[in-house]
N, C-alpha and C. Protein backbone atom coordinates (compact mmCIF):
# COMPACT_ATOMS: atom_id res chain seq x y z
N MET A 1 12.91 -3.71 8.91
CA MET A 1 12.46 -2.42 9.40
C MET A 1 11.53 -2.60 10.60
N ALA A 2 11.57 -1.62 11.50
CA ALA A 2 10.85 -1.79 12.77
C ALA A 2 9.43 -1.26 12.73
N ALA A 3 9.14 -0.31 11.81
CA ALA A 3 7.83 0.34 11.80
C ALA A 3 7.39 0.58 10.37
N ILE A 4 6.09 0.84 10.21
CA ILE A 4 5.54 1.11 8.89
C ILE A 4 4.66 2.36 8.95
N LEU A 5 4.80 3.21 7.95
CA LEU A 5 4.08 4.48 7.87
C LEU A 5 3.09 4.41 6.72
N PHE A 6 1.83 4.76 7.00
CA PHE A 6 0.80 4.68 5.96
C PHE A 6 -0.27 5.73 6.21
N GLU A 7 -1.05 6.01 5.16
CA GLU A 7 -2.10 7.02 5.27
C GLU A 7 -3.32 6.47 6.00
N SER A 8 -4.12 7.37 6.51
CA SER A 8 -5.38 7.01 7.15
C SER A 8 -6.31 6.35 6.13
N MET A 9 -6.93 5.22 6.52
CA MET A 9 -7.87 4.51 5.64
C MET A 9 -9.10 4.10 6.43
N ILE A 10 -10.23 4.05 5.74
CA ILE A 10 -11.49 3.76 6.42
C ILE A 10 -11.56 2.32 6.92
N LEU A 11 -11.37 1.35 6.07
CA LEU A 11 -11.26 -0.08 6.41
C LEU A 11 -10.40 -0.68 5.29
N PRO A 12 -9.10 -0.76 5.47
CA PRO A 12 -8.17 -1.04 4.38
C PRO A 12 -8.45 -2.36 3.65
N PRO A 13 -8.02 -2.45 2.40
CA PRO A 13 -8.14 -3.71 1.67
C PRO A 13 -7.21 -4.77 2.25
N ILE A 14 -7.52 -6.01 1.97
CA ILE A 14 -6.78 -7.14 2.55
C ILE A 14 -5.28 -7.07 2.28
N PRO A 15 -4.82 -6.76 1.05
CA PRO A 15 -3.37 -6.70 0.84
C PRO A 15 -2.66 -5.68 1.73
N VAL A 16 -3.33 -4.58 2.03
CA VAL A 16 -2.72 -3.57 2.90
C VAL A 16 -2.57 -4.12 4.31
N VAL A 17 -3.63 -4.75 4.82
CA VAL A 17 -3.56 -5.29 6.19
C VAL A 17 -2.55 -6.43 6.26
N GLY A 18 -2.46 -7.21 5.17
CA GLY A 18 -1.44 -8.25 5.12
C GLY A 18 -0.04 -7.69 5.25
N LYS A 19 0.18 -6.54 4.61
CA LYS A 19 1.46 -5.85 4.72
C LYS A 19 1.68 -5.31 6.13
N LEU A 20 0.67 -4.69 6.69
CA LEU A 20 0.78 -4.11 8.02
C LEU A 20 1.04 -5.17 9.09
N ALA A 21 0.49 -6.36 8.89
CA ALA A 21 0.60 -7.42 9.89
C ALA A 21 2.04 -7.87 10.11
N ARG A 22 2.96 -7.46 9.24
CA ARG A 22 4.37 -7.82 9.39
C ARG A 22 5.06 -6.99 10.47
N TYR A 23 4.42 -5.90 10.89
CA TYR A 23 5.08 -4.91 11.73
C TYR A 23 4.44 -4.83 13.11
N ARG A 24 5.26 -4.48 14.08
CA ARG A 24 4.77 -4.32 15.46
C ARG A 24 4.44 -2.87 15.78
N GLU A 25 4.91 -1.94 14.95
CA GLU A 25 4.61 -0.52 15.17
C GLU A 25 4.01 0.08 13.90
N TRP A 26 2.82 0.67 14.04
CA TRP A 26 2.14 1.32 12.92
C TRP A 26 2.12 2.82 13.16
N ILE A 27 2.47 3.57 12.12
CA ILE A 27 2.43 5.02 12.19
C ILE A 27 1.46 5.53 11.14
N ILE A 28 0.38 6.16 11.57
CA ILE A 28 -0.61 6.70 10.65
C ILE A 28 -0.26 8.15 10.35
N GLU A 29 -0.16 8.47 9.05
CA GLU A 29 0.18 9.83 8.65
C GLU A 29 -0.95 10.79 9.03
N GLY A 30 -0.65 11.70 9.94
CA GLY A 30 -1.67 12.63 10.41
C GLY A 30 -1.42 14.07 9.99
N HIS A 31 -0.44 14.29 9.11
CA HIS A 31 -0.07 15.66 8.75
C HIS A 31 -0.02 15.88 7.24
N GLU A 32 -0.67 15.02 6.50
CA GLU A 32 -0.75 15.17 5.05
C GLU A 32 -1.99 15.97 4.68
N ASN A 33 -2.14 16.26 3.40
CA ASN A 33 -3.39 16.81 2.88
C ASN A 33 -4.22 15.68 2.28
N TYR A 34 -5.52 15.82 2.39
CA TYR A 34 -6.43 14.80 1.86
C TYR A 34 -6.23 14.63 0.36
N GLN A 35 -6.34 13.40 -0.11
CA GLN A 35 -6.24 13.10 -1.53
C GLN A 35 -7.46 12.30 -1.98
N LYS A 36 -8.03 12.71 -3.08
CA LYS A 36 -9.22 12.04 -3.60
C LYS A 36 -8.86 10.70 -4.22
N ARG A 37 -9.92 9.90 -4.48
CA ARG A 37 -9.78 8.61 -5.13
C ARG A 37 -8.72 7.75 -4.44
N SER A 38 -8.93 7.56 -3.15
CA SER A 38 -8.02 6.75 -2.35
C SER A 38 -8.83 5.94 -1.36
N PHE A 39 -8.14 5.12 -0.59
CA PHE A 39 -8.81 4.31 0.43
C PHE A 39 -9.07 5.11 1.71
N ARG A 40 -8.78 6.40 1.69
CA ARG A 40 -9.03 7.21 2.88
C ARG A 40 -10.51 7.23 3.23
N ASN A 41 -11.37 7.32 2.23
CA ASN A 41 -12.81 7.31 2.51
C ASN A 41 -13.56 6.30 1.63
N ARG A 42 -12.82 5.39 1.00
CA ARG A 42 -13.43 4.38 0.15
C ARG A 42 -13.13 2.98 0.66
N LEU A 43 -14.12 2.12 0.60
CA LEU A 43 -13.88 0.71 0.86
C LEU A 43 -14.69 -0.12 -0.13
N TYR A 44 -14.17 -1.28 -0.43
CA TYR A 44 -14.80 -2.15 -1.42
C TYR A 44 -15.27 -3.42 -0.74
N LEU A 45 -16.58 -3.67 -0.89
CA LEU A 45 -17.24 -4.80 -0.26
C LEU A 45 -17.65 -5.81 -1.33
N ASN A 46 -18.05 -6.98 -0.87
CA ASN A 46 -18.57 -7.97 -1.79
C ASN A 46 -20.08 -7.77 -1.93
N SER A 47 -20.62 -8.19 -3.06
CA SER A 47 -22.06 -8.16 -3.29
C SER A 47 -22.40 -9.22 -4.31
N VAL A 48 -23.67 -9.44 -4.54
CA VAL A 48 -24.09 -10.44 -5.51
C VAL A 48 -23.68 -10.03 -6.92
N GLN A 49 -23.37 -8.75 -7.13
CA GLN A 49 -22.87 -8.28 -8.43
C GLN A 49 -21.34 -8.27 -8.50
N GLY A 50 -20.69 -8.61 -7.40
CA GLY A 50 -19.23 -8.57 -7.35
C GLY A 50 -18.75 -7.42 -6.49
N ARG A 51 -17.58 -6.89 -6.80
CA ARG A 51 -16.98 -5.81 -6.00
C ARG A 51 -17.88 -4.58 -6.00
N SER A 52 -18.12 -4.03 -4.80
CA SER A 52 -19.06 -2.92 -4.62
C SER A 52 -18.38 -1.81 -3.81
N LEU A 53 -18.41 -0.61 -4.34
CA LEU A 53 -17.79 0.53 -3.68
C LEU A 53 -18.75 1.20 -2.70
N PHE A 54 -18.22 1.55 -1.53
CA PHE A 54 -18.95 2.44 -0.61
C PHE A 54 -18.00 3.56 -0.24
N SER A 55 -18.46 4.80 -0.39
CA SER A 55 -17.65 5.97 -0.06
C SER A 55 -18.28 6.72 1.11
N ILE A 56 -17.48 7.09 2.07
CA ILE A 56 -17.95 7.95 3.15
C ILE A 56 -18.08 9.35 2.57
N PRO A 57 -19.28 9.94 2.58
CA PRO A 57 -19.46 11.27 1.97
C PRO A 57 -18.78 12.36 2.79
N LEU A 58 -18.16 13.28 2.10
CA LEU A 58 -17.45 14.37 2.76
C LEU A 58 -18.12 15.69 2.46
N GLU A 59 -17.97 16.64 3.38
CA GLU A 59 -18.53 17.96 3.14
C GLU A 59 -17.90 18.57 1.89
N LYS A 60 -18.71 19.27 1.12
CA LYS A 60 -18.22 19.85 -0.12
C LYS A 60 -17.18 20.93 0.18
N GLY A 61 -16.23 21.03 -0.73
CA GLY A 61 -15.15 21.99 -0.56
C GLY A 61 -13.89 21.45 -1.18
N LYS A 62 -12.80 22.14 -1.00
CA LYS A 62 -11.53 21.74 -1.59
C LYS A 62 -10.79 20.81 -0.64
N ASN A 63 -11.37 19.59 -0.48
CA ASN A 63 -10.77 18.63 0.43
C ASN A 63 -9.36 18.25 0.02
N GLU A 64 -9.09 18.29 -1.29
CA GLU A 64 -7.78 17.91 -1.80
C GLU A 64 -6.67 18.76 -1.19
N GLN A 65 -6.99 19.99 -0.83
CA GLN A 65 -5.99 20.90 -0.28
C GLN A 65 -6.09 21.03 1.24
N MET A 66 -6.94 20.23 1.84
CA MET A 66 -7.22 20.37 3.26
C MET A 66 -6.41 19.37 4.09
N PRO A 67 -5.87 19.79 5.23
CA PRO A 67 -5.20 18.85 6.12
C PRO A 67 -6.14 17.69 6.46
N ILE A 68 -5.63 16.48 6.44
CA ILE A 68 -6.46 15.28 6.59
C ILE A 68 -7.29 15.31 7.87
N ARG A 69 -6.78 15.89 8.93
CA ARG A 69 -7.50 15.88 10.20
C ARG A 69 -8.59 16.94 10.27
N GLU A 70 -8.70 17.76 9.20
CA GLU A 70 -9.75 18.77 9.15
C GLU A 70 -10.88 18.40 8.18
N VAL A 71 -10.76 17.26 7.52
CA VAL A 71 -11.76 16.84 6.54
C VAL A 71 -12.99 16.31 7.28
N ARG A 72 -14.14 16.96 7.02
CA ARG A 72 -15.36 16.63 7.74
C ARG A 72 -16.25 15.66 6.95
N ILE A 73 -16.90 14.78 7.69
CA ILE A 73 -17.88 13.87 7.11
C ILE A 73 -19.18 14.64 6.90
N ALA A 74 -19.84 14.39 5.78
CA ALA A 74 -21.09 15.10 5.45
C ALA A 74 -22.28 14.41 6.10
N GLY A 75 -22.76 14.98 7.19
CA GLY A 75 -23.98 14.51 7.83
C GLY A 75 -23.89 13.11 8.40
N GLU A 76 -25.07 12.51 8.64
CA GLU A 76 -25.13 11.19 9.25
C GLU A 76 -26.01 10.22 8.46
N SER A 77 -26.59 10.67 7.34
CA SER A 77 -27.47 9.78 6.58
C SER A 77 -26.72 8.57 6.02
N TRP A 78 -25.41 8.70 5.82
CA TRP A 78 -24.61 7.60 5.29
C TRP A 78 -24.56 6.42 6.24
N GLN A 79 -24.74 6.68 7.53
CA GLN A 79 -24.63 5.62 8.53
C GLN A 79 -25.67 4.52 8.28
N LYS A 80 -26.91 4.93 8.03
CA LYS A 80 -27.97 3.95 7.76
C LYS A 80 -27.70 3.22 6.46
N ALA A 81 -27.25 3.96 5.44
CA ALA A 81 -26.95 3.33 4.15
C ALA A 81 -25.83 2.30 4.30
N PHE A 82 -24.83 2.64 5.09
CA PHE A 82 -23.72 1.72 5.31
C PHE A 82 -24.19 0.48 6.08
N SER A 83 -24.98 0.70 7.11
CA SER A 83 -25.51 -0.41 7.89
C SER A 83 -26.33 -1.36 7.03
N GLN A 84 -27.17 -0.80 6.17
CA GLN A 84 -27.99 -1.62 5.28
C GLN A 84 -27.13 -2.38 4.28
N ARG A 85 -26.07 -1.73 3.78
CA ARG A 85 -25.19 -2.39 2.83
C ARG A 85 -24.48 -3.58 3.49
N ILE A 86 -24.04 -3.38 4.71
CA ILE A 86 -23.36 -4.46 5.43
C ILE A 86 -24.31 -5.63 5.68
N GLN A 87 -25.54 -5.31 6.07
CA GLN A 87 -26.52 -6.37 6.33
C GLN A 87 -26.86 -7.12 5.05
N THR A 88 -27.06 -6.38 3.94
CA THR A 88 -27.40 -7.01 2.67
C THR A 88 -26.27 -7.90 2.16
N ASN A 89 -25.05 -7.39 2.24
CA ASN A 89 -23.92 -8.10 1.67
C ASN A 89 -23.35 -9.19 2.56
N TYR A 90 -23.50 -9.03 3.88
CA TYR A 90 -22.84 -9.96 4.79
C TYR A 90 -23.77 -10.59 5.83
N GLY A 91 -25.06 -10.36 5.69
CA GLY A 91 -26.00 -10.92 6.67
C GLY A 91 -25.93 -12.42 6.79
N SER A 92 -25.52 -13.09 5.72
CA SER A 92 -25.41 -14.56 5.75
C SER A 92 -23.99 -15.04 5.99
N ALA A 93 -23.07 -14.12 6.21
CA ALA A 93 -21.67 -14.51 6.47
C ALA A 93 -21.58 -15.18 7.84
N PRO A 94 -20.65 -16.12 8.01
CA PRO A 94 -20.55 -16.88 9.26
C PRO A 94 -20.34 -16.03 10.51
N PHE A 95 -19.66 -14.89 10.36
CA PHE A 95 -19.30 -14.10 11.54
C PHE A 95 -19.97 -12.72 11.56
N TYR A 96 -21.04 -12.59 10.77
CA TYR A 96 -21.77 -11.31 10.74
C TYR A 96 -22.27 -10.92 12.12
N GLU A 97 -22.89 -11.85 12.81
CA GLU A 97 -23.49 -11.54 14.11
C GLU A 97 -22.45 -11.12 15.14
N HIS A 98 -21.24 -11.54 14.97
CA HIS A 98 -20.19 -11.16 15.91
C HIS A 98 -19.63 -9.77 15.61
N TYR A 99 -19.30 -9.52 14.33
CA TYR A 99 -18.59 -8.28 14.00
C TYR A 99 -19.50 -7.09 13.69
N ALA A 100 -20.66 -7.34 13.11
CA ALA A 100 -21.53 -6.23 12.70
C ALA A 100 -21.91 -5.31 13.86
N PRO A 101 -22.35 -5.84 15.01
CA PRO A 101 -22.70 -4.92 16.11
C PRO A 101 -21.51 -4.09 16.59
N LEU A 102 -20.34 -4.69 16.63
CA LEU A 102 -19.15 -3.96 17.07
C LEU A 102 -18.82 -2.83 16.10
N LEU A 103 -18.90 -3.14 14.81
CA LEU A 103 -18.61 -2.12 13.80
C LEU A 103 -19.65 -1.00 13.84
N MET A 104 -20.92 -1.36 13.96
CA MET A 104 -21.98 -0.35 13.96
C MET A 104 -21.90 0.55 15.19
N SER A 105 -21.38 0.02 16.28
CA SER A 105 -21.23 0.86 17.48
C SER A 105 -20.22 1.98 17.22
N ILE A 106 -19.28 1.74 16.31
CA ILE A 106 -18.33 2.78 15.91
C ILE A 106 -18.97 3.72 14.90
N ILE A 107 -19.61 3.16 13.89
CA ILE A 107 -20.20 3.95 12.81
C ILE A 107 -21.21 4.96 13.34
N TYR A 108 -22.00 4.54 14.34
CA TYR A 108 -23.06 5.41 14.86
C TYR A 108 -22.60 6.31 16.00
N GLN A 109 -21.31 6.41 16.24
CA GLN A 109 -20.82 7.33 17.27
C GLN A 109 -20.93 8.78 16.84
N GLY A 110 -21.11 9.01 15.55
CA GLY A 110 -21.30 10.37 15.08
C GLY A 110 -20.03 11.16 14.91
N PHE A 111 -18.99 10.50 14.46
CA PHE A 111 -17.72 11.21 14.21
C PHE A 111 -17.93 12.33 13.19
N GLN A 112 -17.38 13.48 13.45
CA GLN A 112 -17.47 14.61 12.53
C GLN A 112 -16.33 14.64 11.53
N PHE A 113 -15.19 14.06 11.91
CA PHE A 113 -14.00 14.11 11.07
C PHE A 113 -13.63 12.72 10.57
N LEU A 114 -13.29 12.64 9.29
CA LEU A 114 -12.93 11.37 8.67
C LEU A 114 -11.75 10.72 9.38
N PHE A 115 -10.76 11.49 9.73
CA PHE A 115 -9.56 10.94 10.37
C PHE A 115 -9.91 10.22 11.67
N ASP A 116 -10.81 10.81 12.45
CA ASP A 116 -11.18 10.21 13.73
C ASP A 116 -11.95 8.90 13.53
N LEU A 117 -12.82 8.88 12.53
CA LEU A 117 -13.55 7.65 12.20
C LEU A 117 -12.56 6.57 11.77
N ASN A 118 -11.63 6.92 10.90
CA ASN A 118 -10.65 5.95 10.43
C ASN A 118 -9.79 5.41 11.57
N LEU A 119 -9.44 6.29 12.49
CA LEU A 119 -8.62 5.87 13.63
C LEU A 119 -9.38 4.86 14.50
N ALA A 120 -10.67 5.11 14.71
CA ALA A 120 -11.49 4.18 15.50
C ALA A 120 -11.63 2.84 14.79
N ASN A 121 -11.78 2.87 13.48
CA ASN A 121 -11.88 1.63 12.72
C ASN A 121 -10.57 0.86 12.74
N MET A 122 -9.45 1.57 12.72
CA MET A 122 -8.16 0.89 12.78
C MET A 122 -7.99 0.17 14.11
N GLN A 123 -8.45 0.79 15.18
CA GLN A 123 -8.37 0.13 16.49
C GLN A 123 -9.30 -1.09 16.51
N PHE A 124 -10.45 -0.98 15.86
CA PHE A 124 -11.37 -2.12 15.72
C PHE A 124 -10.66 -3.28 15.03
N LEU A 125 -9.92 -3.01 13.97
CA LEU A 125 -9.21 -4.07 13.25
C LEU A 125 -8.13 -4.69 14.12
N ILE A 126 -7.38 -3.86 14.81
CA ILE A 126 -6.32 -4.38 15.69
C ILE A 126 -6.91 -5.31 16.74
N ASP A 127 -8.01 -4.87 17.35
CA ASP A 127 -8.64 -5.67 18.41
C ASP A 127 -9.23 -6.96 17.86
N GLN A 128 -9.95 -6.87 16.76
CA GLN A 128 -10.67 -8.05 16.25
C GLN A 128 -9.74 -9.05 15.57
N LEU A 129 -8.66 -8.58 14.99
CA LEU A 129 -7.68 -9.49 14.41
C LEU A 129 -6.75 -10.08 15.47
N GLY A 130 -6.73 -9.45 16.64
CA GLY A 130 -5.85 -9.91 17.70
C GLY A 130 -4.39 -9.60 17.43
N LEU A 131 -4.14 -8.44 16.83
CA LEU A 131 -2.78 -8.04 16.49
C LEU A 131 -2.05 -7.43 17.69
N ASP A 132 -0.82 -7.80 17.85
CA ASP A 132 0.02 -7.24 18.91
C ASP A 132 0.85 -6.12 18.31
N VAL A 133 0.24 -4.94 18.17
CA VAL A 133 0.93 -3.82 17.55
C VAL A 133 0.72 -2.55 18.38
N HIS A 134 1.64 -1.63 18.20
CA HIS A 134 1.50 -0.29 18.77
C HIS A 134 1.18 0.65 17.63
N CYS A 135 0.06 1.33 17.73
CA CYS A 135 -0.39 2.22 16.66
C CYS A 135 -0.35 3.66 17.16
N LYS A 136 0.26 4.54 16.36
CA LYS A 136 0.34 5.94 16.76
C LYS A 136 0.22 6.83 15.54
N ILE A 137 0.01 8.13 15.78
CA ILE A 137 -0.09 9.13 14.72
C ILE A 137 1.27 9.77 14.53
N SER A 138 1.62 10.06 13.29
CA SER A 138 2.91 10.69 13.01
C SER A 138 3.02 12.04 13.73
N GLU A 139 4.23 12.41 14.10
CA GLU A 139 4.46 13.66 14.83
C GLU A 139 4.54 14.86 13.90
N GLY A 140 4.77 14.65 12.63
CA GLY A 140 4.87 15.71 11.64
C GLY A 140 5.02 15.09 10.27
N TYR A 141 4.91 15.93 9.24
CA TYR A 141 5.02 15.39 7.89
C TYR A 141 6.47 15.44 7.41
N SER A 142 6.89 14.35 6.79
CA SER A 142 8.22 14.28 6.20
C SER A 142 8.14 13.46 4.92
N LYS A 143 8.69 13.98 3.84
CA LYS A 143 8.70 13.24 2.58
C LYS A 143 9.51 11.97 2.70
N GLU A 144 10.57 12.02 3.49
CA GLU A 144 11.43 10.85 3.68
C GLU A 144 11.48 10.54 5.17
N PRO A 145 10.79 9.48 5.60
CA PRO A 145 10.77 9.14 7.03
C PRO A 145 12.13 8.66 7.52
N SER A 146 12.26 8.59 8.82
CA SER A 146 13.52 8.18 9.44
C SER A 146 13.89 6.76 9.05
N SER A 147 15.15 6.45 9.20
CA SER A 147 15.65 5.10 8.93
C SER A 147 14.93 4.09 9.83
N GLY A 148 14.61 2.94 9.26
CA GLY A 148 13.92 1.91 10.04
C GLY A 148 12.42 1.96 9.89
N ILE A 149 11.90 2.93 9.11
CA ILE A 149 10.46 3.06 8.89
C ILE A 149 10.17 2.81 7.41
N GLU A 150 9.34 1.82 7.12
CA GLU A 150 8.94 1.58 5.73
C GLU A 150 7.77 2.50 5.40
N ASP A 151 7.88 3.21 4.32
CA ASP A 151 6.88 4.20 3.91
C ASP A 151 6.02 3.62 2.78
N ILE A 152 4.75 3.37 3.08
CA ILE A 152 3.83 2.88 2.03
C ILE A 152 2.70 3.87 1.78
N ARG A 153 2.89 5.12 2.14
CA ARG A 153 1.87 6.13 1.90
C ARG A 153 1.55 6.21 0.41
N ASP A 154 0.28 6.03 0.09
CA ASP A 154 -0.23 6.10 -1.29
C ASP A 154 0.39 5.06 -2.23
N PHE A 155 0.95 4.02 -1.67
CA PHE A 155 1.44 2.92 -2.50
C PHE A 155 0.28 2.10 -3.06
N TYR A 156 -0.77 1.98 -2.25
CA TYR A 156 -1.96 1.22 -2.66
C TYR A 156 -3.06 2.21 -3.06
N ARG A 157 -3.52 2.10 -4.30
CA ARG A 157 -4.56 2.99 -4.81
C ARG A 157 -5.69 2.16 -5.41
N PRO A 158 -6.93 2.61 -5.28
CA PRO A 158 -8.07 1.87 -5.84
C PRO A 158 -8.18 2.06 -7.35
N ASN A 159 -7.33 1.36 -8.08
CA ASN A 159 -7.34 1.47 -9.54
C ASN A 159 -7.29 0.07 -10.16
N MET A 160 -7.35 0.01 -11.48
CA MET A 160 -7.39 -1.27 -12.17
C MET A 160 -6.12 -2.08 -11.92
N GLU A 161 -5.00 -1.41 -11.82
CA GLU A 161 -3.74 -2.12 -11.56
C GLU A 161 -3.80 -2.87 -10.24
N PHE A 162 -4.35 -2.20 -9.22
CA PHE A 162 -4.46 -2.84 -7.90
C PHE A 162 -5.42 -4.02 -7.94
N PHE A 163 -6.60 -3.82 -8.49
CA PHE A 163 -7.62 -4.86 -8.45
C PHE A 163 -7.34 -6.02 -9.41
N SER A 164 -6.49 -5.82 -10.38
CA SER A 164 -6.19 -6.89 -11.34
C SER A 164 -5.07 -7.81 -10.87
N LYS A 165 -4.39 -7.47 -9.79
CA LYS A 165 -3.32 -8.32 -9.29
C LYS A 165 -3.87 -9.63 -8.74
N LYS A 166 -3.14 -10.70 -8.96
CA LYS A 166 -3.56 -12.01 -8.49
C LYS A 166 -3.53 -12.06 -6.97
N PRO A 167 -4.59 -12.54 -6.33
CA PRO A 167 -4.59 -12.63 -4.86
C PRO A 167 -3.61 -13.69 -4.38
N VAL A 168 -3.00 -13.45 -3.22
CA VAL A 168 -2.04 -14.42 -2.69
C VAL A 168 -2.72 -15.58 -1.98
N PHE A 169 -4.00 -15.41 -1.64
CA PHE A 169 -4.78 -16.52 -1.10
C PHE A 169 -6.25 -16.27 -1.35
N THR A 170 -7.03 -17.33 -1.28
CA THR A 170 -8.48 -17.23 -1.43
C THR A 170 -9.17 -17.84 -0.22
N TYR A 171 -10.43 -17.57 -0.09
CA TYR A 171 -11.25 -18.11 1.00
C TYR A 171 -12.69 -18.11 0.51
N GLU A 172 -13.57 -18.76 1.22
CA GLU A 172 -14.95 -18.86 0.77
C GLU A 172 -15.71 -17.59 1.12
N GLN A 173 -16.18 -16.89 0.10
CA GLN A 173 -16.92 -15.65 0.29
C GLN A 173 -18.42 -15.91 0.22
N VAL A 174 -19.18 -14.90 0.60
CA VAL A 174 -20.63 -15.05 0.69
C VAL A 174 -21.26 -15.42 -0.65
N PHE A 175 -20.84 -14.76 -1.72
CA PHE A 175 -21.48 -14.97 -3.03
C PHE A 175 -20.59 -15.75 -3.99
N HIS A 176 -19.75 -16.63 -3.46
CA HIS A 176 -18.78 -17.33 -4.31
C HIS A 176 -19.45 -18.17 -5.39
N ASP A 177 -20.65 -18.69 -5.11
CA ASP A 177 -21.35 -19.52 -6.11
C ASP A 177 -21.80 -18.69 -7.31
N VAL A 178 -21.97 -17.38 -7.11
CA VAL A 178 -22.47 -16.51 -8.17
C VAL A 178 -21.33 -15.77 -8.86
N THR A 179 -20.43 -15.20 -8.07
CA THR A 179 -19.41 -14.30 -8.61
C THR A 179 -18.03 -14.94 -8.74
N GLY A 180 -17.85 -16.11 -8.11
CA GLY A 180 -16.50 -16.61 -7.99
C GLY A 180 -15.76 -15.80 -6.94
N PHE A 181 -14.46 -15.99 -6.81
CA PHE A 181 -13.72 -15.25 -5.80
C PHE A 181 -13.45 -13.82 -6.26
N VAL A 182 -13.76 -12.87 -5.40
CA VAL A 182 -13.54 -11.45 -5.69
C VAL A 182 -12.36 -10.98 -4.83
N PRO A 183 -11.22 -10.65 -5.44
CA PRO A 183 -10.02 -10.33 -4.66
C PRO A 183 -9.95 -8.89 -4.19
N HIS A 184 -9.08 -8.69 -3.20
CA HIS A 184 -8.63 -7.36 -2.76
C HIS A 184 -9.77 -6.48 -2.21
N LEU A 185 -10.72 -7.11 -1.54
CA LEU A 185 -11.78 -6.35 -0.89
C LEU A 185 -11.30 -5.81 0.44
N SER A 186 -12.15 -5.05 1.11
CA SER A 186 -11.85 -4.56 2.45
C SER A 186 -11.58 -5.73 3.39
N ILE A 187 -10.73 -5.49 4.37
CA ILE A 187 -10.45 -6.50 5.39
C ILE A 187 -11.73 -6.96 6.07
N LEU A 188 -12.76 -6.13 6.02
CA LEU A 188 -14.05 -6.50 6.60
C LEU A 188 -14.60 -7.78 5.97
N ASP A 189 -14.36 -7.97 4.68
CA ASP A 189 -14.84 -9.17 4.00
C ASP A 189 -14.19 -10.41 4.59
N LEU A 190 -12.90 -10.35 4.81
CA LEU A 190 -12.17 -11.50 5.38
C LEU A 190 -12.65 -11.77 6.80
N LEU A 191 -12.86 -10.73 7.59
CA LEU A 191 -13.34 -10.92 8.95
C LEU A 191 -14.72 -11.57 8.97
N MET A 192 -15.63 -11.05 8.16
CA MET A 192 -16.99 -11.57 8.14
C MET A 192 -17.04 -13.03 7.71
N CYS A 193 -16.15 -13.40 6.80
CA CYS A 193 -16.18 -14.76 6.25
C CYS A 193 -15.35 -15.76 7.04
N CYS A 194 -14.25 -15.30 7.63
CA CYS A 194 -13.31 -16.23 8.26
C CYS A 194 -13.13 -16.04 9.76
N GLY A 195 -13.58 -14.93 10.29
CA GLY A 195 -13.51 -14.73 11.74
C GLY A 195 -12.11 -14.81 12.29
N PRO A 196 -11.92 -15.56 13.38
CA PRO A 196 -10.60 -15.65 14.03
C PRO A 196 -9.50 -16.22 13.14
N GLU A 197 -9.88 -16.91 12.08
CA GLU A 197 -8.88 -17.48 11.18
C GLU A 197 -8.25 -16.41 10.29
N ALA A 198 -8.83 -15.21 10.26
CA ALA A 198 -8.35 -14.16 9.36
C ALA A 198 -6.88 -13.84 9.58
N LEU A 199 -6.47 -13.69 10.81
CA LEU A 199 -5.08 -13.34 11.09
C LEU A 199 -4.14 -14.47 10.67
N THR A 200 -4.54 -15.71 10.90
CA THR A 200 -3.73 -16.85 10.49
C THR A 200 -3.50 -16.83 8.98
N LEU A 201 -4.55 -16.55 8.22
CA LEU A 201 -4.44 -16.48 6.76
C LEU A 201 -3.51 -15.35 6.32
N LEU A 202 -3.65 -14.20 6.96
CA LEU A 202 -2.80 -13.06 6.62
C LEU A 202 -1.33 -13.36 6.89
N LYS A 203 -1.04 -13.92 8.03
CA LYS A 203 0.34 -14.19 8.39
C LYS A 203 0.93 -15.33 7.58
N ARG A 204 0.11 -16.31 7.23
CA ARG A 204 0.59 -17.45 6.47
C ARG A 204 0.93 -17.07 5.05
N HIS A 205 0.12 -16.18 4.45
CA HIS A 205 0.25 -15.91 3.03
C HIS A 205 0.82 -14.54 2.69
N CYS A 206 0.79 -13.61 3.64
CA CYS A 206 1.18 -12.24 3.31
C CYS A 206 2.47 -11.81 3.97
N THR A 207 3.16 -12.72 4.65
CA THR A 207 4.40 -12.34 5.32
C THR A 207 5.59 -13.08 4.73
């Protein structure tokens, strides 16, 4: 297949990016309705206690029924909390000093809409992983995409089934001496720990 279709995500987990790395064309679903308990506004980081959830807070309302591009982020207080979480969890990571400033320059831009923040983060991943891909937003919603497009919308969900799957590869994480290897975290974990080697690992083990 020539392209892959997937939902907007804040900073996708490693297995998702491993899947995406197989394709040269990425299509982000821009015409769906927001769905709760997904990677759209959730990412999982490493910590001294193990897997740690961070959720981008959304304005109260019936987001579940709202078009994804109309879902608003609630205020800006989360930006400082996120920055502190990244510093606490990854301040000692080998590539923290390289990636953290770049990521924070996006986080502090003051995006009002979740979709726009996710789109900026996706471009950050493409640039920092050195991926040769064309990324675009879907032109409309279709339950069954055109031939030649693999549809993985909502295939990956943050549930026990996902997190209990055996990882296809491991690497040295920040708290490995305390927690052992913690699988299926955000791609940010792999970047912070492995830097430029991240793409090599993804292509070697996930393709």
